[in-house]
Amino acid sequence: MLDNIPYLPYLLSAFVGIGLAAASGFRVFLPLFAVSLASYFHWIPYHESFAWLSGLPALITTGIAMVVEILAYYIPFVDHLLDTVSVPMATVAGSVLFASQFADLGTLPQWGLALIAGGGTAATISTGFAGLRAASTATTGGLGNSVVGTTETAGAGVMAILAMVAPILAAIFAIISIVLIIYLGKKAWKKIRKTKNSLTITS
């Protein structure tokens, strides 16, 4: 029945790609590690051009980077330094993971889609959380940053797993996440402006 649906493989690939890109927006290296681990143990198929992700060196490298990234976001000040590079890094990671699902399309359409859909999704989510962390610092003195960091890690893990086992659900959650983060991000920047204005008036 499903085999009769036109372009179904491309649709499923798009859902997987969006889910993985969204996971990259939460955490850069966790979804890369998840895909590398799943590919290494042959739990998911991979294209020859992305065989490097399934190798032991990539598995070890992404694993170490994932642990360092997760722990670094619990260190005051360091988390904000990471936010300055997280958006471009998430954009690259999201683009690569999205492109890995369309290796048969040809270079131009493959990377064109990857940059727009994958990179755009990852960048939006990463930017949103950077704003939430800035608002948390401004309103709680940084005490609430650990909650933001834990949410990001959990979101990355859930999205990465869903992308591989339930791609349609992952795509739906990705869209919901983007809408919710944009909404919360706008509220966060309003709080930051109010805090700055009140400090200016007080001084």
C-alpha atoms as a PDB file:
ATOM      1  CA  MET A   1       0.000   0.000   0.000  1.00  0.00           C
ATOM      2  CA  LEU A   2       2.687   2.482   1.058  1.00  0.00           C
ATOM      3  CA  ASP A   3       4.861   1.445  -1.891  1.00  0.00           C
ATOM      4  CA  ASN A   4       2.305   3.044  -4.221  1.00  0.00           C
ATOM      5  CA  ILE A   5       2.759   6.501  -2.692  1.00  0.00           C
ATOM      6  CA  PRO A   6       4.774   8.687  -5.127  1.00  0.00           C
ATOM      7  CA  TYR A   7       8.185   9.829  -3.868  1.00  0.00           C
ATOM      8  CA  LEU A   8       7.679   8.060  -0.495  1.00  0.00           C
ATOM      9  CA  PRO A   9      11.409   7.304  -0.048  1.00  0.00           C
ATOM     10  CA  TYR A  10      12.230  11.001  -0.539  1.00  0.00           C
ATOM     11  CA  LEU A  11       9.507  12.030   1.896  1.00  0.00           C
ATOM     12  CA  LEU A  12      10.802   9.642   4.555  1.00  0.00           C
ATOM     13  CA  SER A  13      14.355  10.853   3.926  1.00  0.00           C
ATOM     14  CA  ALA A  14      13.151  14.437   4.378  1.00  0.00           C
ATOM     15  CA  PHE A  15      11.461  13.528   7.680  1.00  0.00           C
ATOM     16  CA  VAL A  16      14.636  11.815   8.923  1.00  0.00           C
ATOM     17  CA  GLY A  17      16.758  14.753   7.785  1.00  0.00           C
ATOM     18  CA  ILE A  18      14.529  17.351   9.455  1.00  0.00           C
ATOM     19  CA  GLY A  19      14.509  15.349  12.694  1.00  0.00           C
ATOM     20  CA  LEU A  20      18.294  15.037  12.747  1.00  0.00           C
ATOM     21  CA  ALA A  21      18.735  18.698  11.837  1.00  0.00           C
ATOM     22  CA  ALA A  22      16.412  19.711  14.663  1.00  0.00           C
ATOM     23  CA  ALA A  23      18.430  17.542  17.051  1.00  0.00           C
ATOM     24  CA  SER A  24      21.566  19.415  15.906  1.00  0.00           C
ATOM     25  CA  GLY A  25      19.869  22.667  16.862  1.00  0.00           C
ATOM     26  CA  PHE A  26      19.509  21.401  20.429  1.00  0.00           C
ATOM     27  CA  ARG A  27      23.036  19.947  20.663  1.00  0.00           C
ATOM     28  CA  VAL A  28      25.620  19.865  17.877  1.00  0.00           C
ATOM     29  CA  PHE A  29      27.485  16.638  18.573  1.00  0.00           C
ATOM     30  CA  LEU A  30      24.855  14.403  20.206  1.00  0.00           C
ATOM     31  CA  PRO A  31      22.948  13.664  16.961  1.00  0.00           C
ATOM     32  CA  LEU A  32      26.238  13.204  15.082  1.00  0.00           C
ATOM     33  CA  PHE A  33      27.271  10.657  17.705  1.00  0.00           C
ATOM     34  CA  ALA A  34      23.862   8.962  17.563  1.00  0.00           C
ATOM     35  CA  VAL A  35      24.038   8.579  13.770  1.00  0.00           C
ATOM     36  CA  SER A  36      27.668   7.439  13.953  1.00  0.00           C
ATOM     37  CA  LEU A  37      26.809   4.846  16.617  1.00  0.00           C
ATOM     38  CA  ALA A  38      23.768   3.557  14.717  1.00  0.00           C
ATOM     39  CA  SER A  39      25.759   3.371  11.480  1.00  0.00           C
ATOM     40  CA  TYR A  40      28.729   1.677  13.140  1.00  0.00           C
ATOM     41  CA  PHE A  41      26.527  -1.140  14.451  1.00  0.00           C
ATOM     42  CA  HIS A  42      24.547  -1.255  11.175  1.00  0.00           C
ATOM     43  CA  TRP A  43      21.285  -0.336  12.885  1.00  0.00           C
ATOM     44  CA  ILE A  44      20.582   2.137  10.082  1.00  0.00           C
ATOM     45  CA  PRO A  45      21.743   2.153   6.429  1.00  0.00           C
ATOM     46  CA  TYR A  46      24.244   4.728   5.222  1.00  0.00           C
ATOM     47  CA  HIS A  47      25.431   5.956   1.860  1.00  0.00           C
ATOM     48  CA  GLU A  48      29.013   5.388   0.698  1.00  0.00           C
ATOM     49  CA  SER A  49      29.736   9.115   0.542  1.00  0.00           C
ATOM     50  CA  PHE A  50      28.948   9.346   4.276  1.00  0.00           C
ATOM     51  CA  ALA A  51      30.740   6.137   5.261  1.00  0.00           C
ATOM     52  CA  TRP A  52      33.153   8.221   7.365  1.00  0.00           C
ATOM     53  CA  LEU A  53      30.358   8.692   9.899  1.00  0.00           C
ATOM     54  CA  SER A  54      30.137   4.938  10.474  1.00  0.00           C
ATOM     55  CA  GLY A  55      33.840   4.473  11.233  1.00  0.00           C
ATOM     56  CA  LEU A  56      35.373   4.005  14.665  1.00  0.00           C
ATOM     57  CA  PRO A  57      37.384   7.285  14.515  1.00  0.00           C
ATOM     58  CA  ALA A  58      34.188   9.290  13.895  1.00  0.00           C
ATOM     59  CA  LEU A  59      32.393   7.380  16.667  1.00  0.00           C
ATOM     60  CA  ILE A  60      35.135   8.119  19.207  1.00  0.00           C
ATOM     61  CA  THR A  61      35.561  11.745  18.122  1.00  0.00           C
ATOM     62  CA  THR A  62      31.865  12.600  18.160  1.00  0.00           C
ATOM     63  CA  GLY A  63      31.438  10.746  21.456  1.00  0.00           C
ATOM     64  CA  ILE A  64      34.163  12.765  23.187  1.00  0.00           C
ATOM     65  CA  ALA A  65      32.909  16.020  21.634  1.00  0.00           C
ATOM     66  CA  MET A  66      29.357  15.202  22.761  1.00  0.00           C
ATOM     67  CA  VAL A  67      30.383  14.671  26.404  1.00  0.00           C
ATOM     68  CA  VAL A  68      32.518  17.827  26.451  1.00  0.00           C
ATOM     69  CA  GLU A  69      29.731  19.905  24.883  1.00  0.00           C
ATOM     70  CA  ILE A  70      27.070  18.652  27.311  1.00  0.00           C
ATOM     71  CA  LEU A  71      29.234  19.266  30.394  1.00  0.00           C
ATOM     72  CA  ALA A  72      30.469  22.665  29.161  1.00  0.00           C
ATOM     73  CA  TYR A  73      26.927  24.038  29.120  1.00  0.00           C
ATOM     74  CA  TYR A  74      26.763  23.600  32.903  1.00  0.00           C
ATOM     75  CA  ILE A  75      29.753  25.896  33.442  1.00  0.00           C
ATOM     76  CA  PRO A  76      28.836  29.570  33.972  1.00  0.00           C
ATOM     77  CA  PHE A  77      30.148  31.992  31.342  1.00  0.00           C
ATOM     78  CA  VAL A  78      31.413  29.073  29.212  1.00  0.00           C
ATOM     79  CA  ASP A  79      27.827  28.349  28.161  1.00  0.00           C
ATOM     80  CA  HIS A  80      27.528  31.859  26.724  1.00  0.00           C
ATOM     81  CA  LEU A  81      30.855  31.518  24.928  1.00  0.00           C
ATOM     82  CA  LEU A  82      29.563  28.320  23.340  1.00  0.00           C
ATOM     83  CA  ASP A  83      26.406  30.133  22.240  1.00  0.00           C
ATOM     84  CA  THR A  84      28.535  32.440  20.077  1.00  0.00           C
ATOM     85  CA  VAL A  85      29.711  29.459  17.985  1.00  0.00           C
ATOM     86  CA  SER A  86      26.797  27.072  18.436  1.00  0.00           C
ATOM     87  CA  VAL A  87      24.614  28.576  15.691  1.00  0.00           C
ATOM     88  CA  PRO A  88      27.140  28.231  12.831  1.00  0.00           C
ATOM     89  CA  MET A  89      28.231  24.807  14.125  1.00  0.00           C
ATOM     90  CA  ALA A  90      24.616  23.641  14.389  1.00  0.00           C
ATOM     91  CA  THR A  91      23.957  24.936  10.870  1.00  0.00           C
ATOM     92  CA  VAL A  92      26.857  22.880   9.506  1.00  0.00           C
ATOM     93  CA  ALA A  93      25.891  19.760  11.492  1.00  0.00           C
ATOM     94  CA  GLY A  94      22.236  20.049  10.502  1.00  0.00           C
ATOM     95  CA  SER A  95      23.175  20.496   6.844  1.00  0.00           C
ATOM     96  CA  VAL A  96      25.506  17.479   6.876  1.00  0.00           C
ATOM     97  CA  LEU A  97      22.983  15.202   8.579  1.00  0.00           C
ATOM     98  CA  PHE A  98      20.199  16.313   6.250  1.00  0.00           C
ATOM     99  CA  ALA A  99      22.436  15.869   3.183  1.00  0.00           C
ATOM    100  CA  SER A 100      23.322  12.337   4.296  1.00  0.00           C
ATOM    101  CA  GLN A 101      19.707  11.340   3.597  1.00  0.00           C
ATOM    102  CA  PHE A 102      19.768  12.625  -0.007  1.00  0.00           C
ATOM    103  CA  ALA A 103      23.086  11.361  -1.343  1.00  0.00           C
ATOM    104  CA  ASP A 104      21.405  10.018  -4.517  1.00  0.00           C
ATOM    105  CA  LEU A 105      19.945  13.357  -5.588  1.00  0.00           C
ATOM    106  CA  GLY A 106      23.080  14.929  -6.998  1.00  0.00           C
ATOM    107  CA  THR A 107      25.401  17.461  -5.403  1.00  0.00           C
ATOM    108  CA  LEU A 108      23.525  20.696  -6.176  1.00  0.00           C
ATOM    109  CA  PRO A 109      19.990  19.694  -5.093  1.00  0.00           C
ATOM    110  CA  GLN A 110      21.369  17.633  -2.216  1.00  0.00           C
ATOM    111  CA  TRP A 111      23.294  20.462  -0.581  1.00  0.00           C
ATOM    112  CA  GLY A 112      20.793  23.112  -1.633  1.00  0.00           C
ATOM    113  CA  LEU A 113      18.075  21.284   0.300  1.00  0.00           C
ATOM    114  CA  ALA A 114      20.489  20.559   3.127  1.00  0.00           C
ATOM    115  CA  LEU A 115      21.414  24.208   3.655  1.00  0.00           C
ATOM    116  CA  ILE A 116      17.839  25.477   3.443  1.00  0.00           C
ATOM    117  CA  ALA A 117      15.931  22.774   5.310  1.00  0.00           C
ATOM    118  CA  GLY A 118      18.613  21.162   7.468  1.00  0.00           C
ATOM    119  CA  GLY A 119      20.784  24.159   8.202  1.00  0.00           C
ATOM    120  CA  GLY A 120      17.792  26.472   8.590  1.00  0.00           C
ATOM    121  CA  THR A 121      16.063  24.168  11.058  1.00  0.00           C
ATOM    122  CA  ALA A 122      19.186  23.701  13.173  1.00  0.00           C
ATOM    123  CA  ALA A 123      20.062  27.414  13.135  1.00  0.00           C
ATOM    124  CA  THR A 124      16.553  28.462  14.177  1.00  0.00           C
ATOM    125  CA  ILE A 125      16.459  26.127  17.166  1.00  0.00           C
ATOM    126  CA  SER A 126      20.038  26.940  18.222  1.00  0.00           C
ATOM    127  CA  THR A 127      19.395  30.695  17.992  1.00  0.00           C
ATOM    128  CA  GLY A 128      16.203  30.320  19.998  1.00  0.00           C
ATOM    129  CA  PHE A 129      17.940  28.526  22.847  1.00  0.00           C
ATOM    130  CA  ALA A 130      20.764  31.064  22.879  1.00  0.00           C
ATOM    131  CA  GLY A 131      18.097  33.714  23.443  1.00  0.00           C
ATOM    132  CA  LEU A 132      16.451  31.671  26.185  1.00  0.00           C
ATOM    133  CA  ARG A 133      19.792  31.270  27.937  1.00  0.00           C
ATOM    134  CA  ALA A 134      20.467  35.011  27.711  1.00  0.00           C
ATOM    135  CA  ALA A 135      17.028  35.708  29.199  1.00  0.00           C
ATOM    136  CA  SER A 136      17.650  33.158  31.932  1.00  0.00           C
ATOM    137  CA  THR A 137      20.924  34.866  32.822  1.00  0.00           C
ATOM    138  CA  ALA A 138      19.296  38.291  32.843  1.00  0.00           C
ATOM    139  CA  THR A 139      16.307  37.268  34.967  1.00  0.00           C
ATOM    140  CA  THR A 140      17.745  34.559  37.255  1.00  0.00           C
ATOM    141  CA  GLY A 141      21.399  35.539  37.394  1.00  0.00           C
ATOM    142  CA  GLY A 142      22.282  32.313  35.589  1.00  0.00           C
ATOM    143  CA  LEU A 143      20.592  30.003  38.106  1.00  0.00           C
ATOM    144  CA  GLY A 144      18.106  28.825  35.492  1.00  0.00           C
ATOM    145  CA  ASN A 145      20.722  28.121  32.813  1.00  0.00           C
ATOM    146  CA  SER A 146      21.150  24.520  33.924  1.00  0.00           C
ATOM    147  CA  VAL A 147      17.453  23.937  33.216  1.00  0.00           C
ATOM    148  CA  VAL A 148      17.875  25.339  29.711  1.00  0.00           C
ATOM    149  CA  GLY A 149      20.962  23.189  29.173  1.00  0.00           C
ATOM    150  CA  THR A 150      19.248  20.020  30.380  1.00  0.00           C
ATOM    151  CA  THR A 151      16.269  20.738  28.127  1.00  0.00           C
ATOM    152  CA  GLU A 152      18.589  21.117  25.138  1.00  0.00           C
ATOM    153  CA  THR A 153      20.359  17.810  25.842  1.00  0.00           C
ATOM    154  CA  ALA A 154      17.088  15.948  26.366  1.00  0.00           C
ATOM    155  CA  GLY A 155      15.615  17.481  23.217  1.00  0.00           C
ATOM    156  CA  ALA A 156      18.653  16.463  21.160  1.00  0.00           C
ATOM    157  CA  GLY A 157      18.482  12.886  22.416  1.00  0.00           C
ATOM    158  CA  VAL A 158      14.759  12.501  21.854  1.00  0.00           C
ATOM    159  CA  MET A 159      14.847  14.073  18.398  1.00  0.00           C
ATOM    160  CA  ALA A 160      17.847  11.991  17.280  1.00  0.00           C
ATOM    161  CA  ILE A 161      16.199   8.729  18.344  1.00  0.00           C
ATOM    162  CA  LEU A 162      12.828   9.668  16.856  1.00  0.00           C
ATOM    163  CA  ALA A 163      14.455  10.657  13.561  1.00  0.00           C
ATOM    164  CA  MET A 164      15.849   7.148  13.204  1.00  0.00           C
ATOM    165  CA  VAL A 165      12.917   5.088  14.492  1.00  0.00           C
ATOM    166  CA  ALA A 166       9.851   7.294  13.857  1.00  0.00           C
ATOM    167  CA  PRO A 167      10.817   9.929  11.253  1.00  0.00           C
ATOM    168  CA  ILE A 168       7.296  11.260  10.647  1.00  0.00           C
ATOM    169  CA  LEU A 169       6.836  11.869  14.359  1.00  0.00           C
ATOM    170  CA  ALA A 170      10.286  13.452  14.501  1.00  0.00           C
ATOM    171  CA  ALA A 171       9.383  15.901  11.722  1.00  0.00           C
ATOM    172  CA  ILE A 172       6.155  16.853  13.518  1.00  0.00           C
ATOM    173  CA  PHE A 173       8.024  17.453  16.782  1.00  0.00           C
ATOM    174  CA  ALA A 174      10.657  19.449  14.896  1.00  0.00           C
ATOM    175  CA  ILE A 175       8.024  21.815  13.517  1.00  0.00           C
ATOM    176  CA  ILE A 176       6.394  22.155  16.941  1.00  0.00           C
ATOM    177  CA  SER A 177       9.806  22.838  18.503  1.00  0.00           C
ATOM    178  CA  ILE A 178      10.587  25.578  15.990  1.00  0.00           C
ATOM    179  CA  VAL A 179       7.249  27.334  16.556  1.00  0.00           C
ATOM    180  CA  LEU A 180       7.527  27.022  20.338  1.00  0.00           C
ATOM    181  CA  ILE A 181      11.139  28.201  20.468  1.00  0.00           C
ATOM    182  CA  ILE A 182      10.416  31.212  18.247  1.00  0.00           C
ATOM    183  CA  TYR A 183       7.523  32.148  20.548  1.00  0.00           C
ATOM    184  CA  LEU A 184       9.565  31.659  23.740  1.00  0.00           C
ATOM    185  CA  GLY A 185      12.516  33.454  22.140  1.00  0.00           C
ATOM    186  CA  LYS A 186      10.418  36.557  21.483  1.00  0.00           C
ATOM    187  CA  LYS A 187       9.214  36.542  25.092  1.00  0.00           C
ATOM    188  CA  ALA A 188      12.794  36.088  26.274  1.00  0.00           C
ATOM    189  CA  TRP A 189      14.083  39.121  24.358  1.00  0.00           C
ATOM    190  CA  LYS A 190      11.201  41.199  25.725  1.00  0.00           C
ATOM    191  CA  LYS A 191      12.267  40.220  29.244  1.00  0.00           C
ATOM    192  CA  ILE A 192      15.854  41.168  28.501  1.00  0.00           C
ATOM    193  CA  ARG A 193      14.780  44.591  27.195  1.00  0.00           C
ATOM    194  CA  LYS A 194      12.589  45.178  30.275  1.00  0.00           C
ATOM    195  CA  THR A 195      15.452  44.199  32.567  1.00  0.00           C
ATOM    196  CA  LYS A 196      17.865  46.541  30.770  1.00  0.00           C
ATOM    197  CA  ASN A 197      15.335  49.392  30.827  1.00  0.00           C
ATOM    198  CA  SER A 198      14.687  48.963  34.549  1.00  0.00           C
ATOM    199  CA  LEU A 199      18.426  48.949  35.274  1.00  0.00           C
ATOM    200  CA  THR A 200      18.872  52.106  33.200  1.00  0.00           C
ATOM    201  CA  ILE A 201      16.044  53.896  35.033  1.00  0.00           C
ATOM    202  CA  THR A 202      17.414  52.781  38.417  1.00  0.00           C
ATOM    203  CA  SER A 203      20.930  53.984  37.634  1.00  0.00           C
END
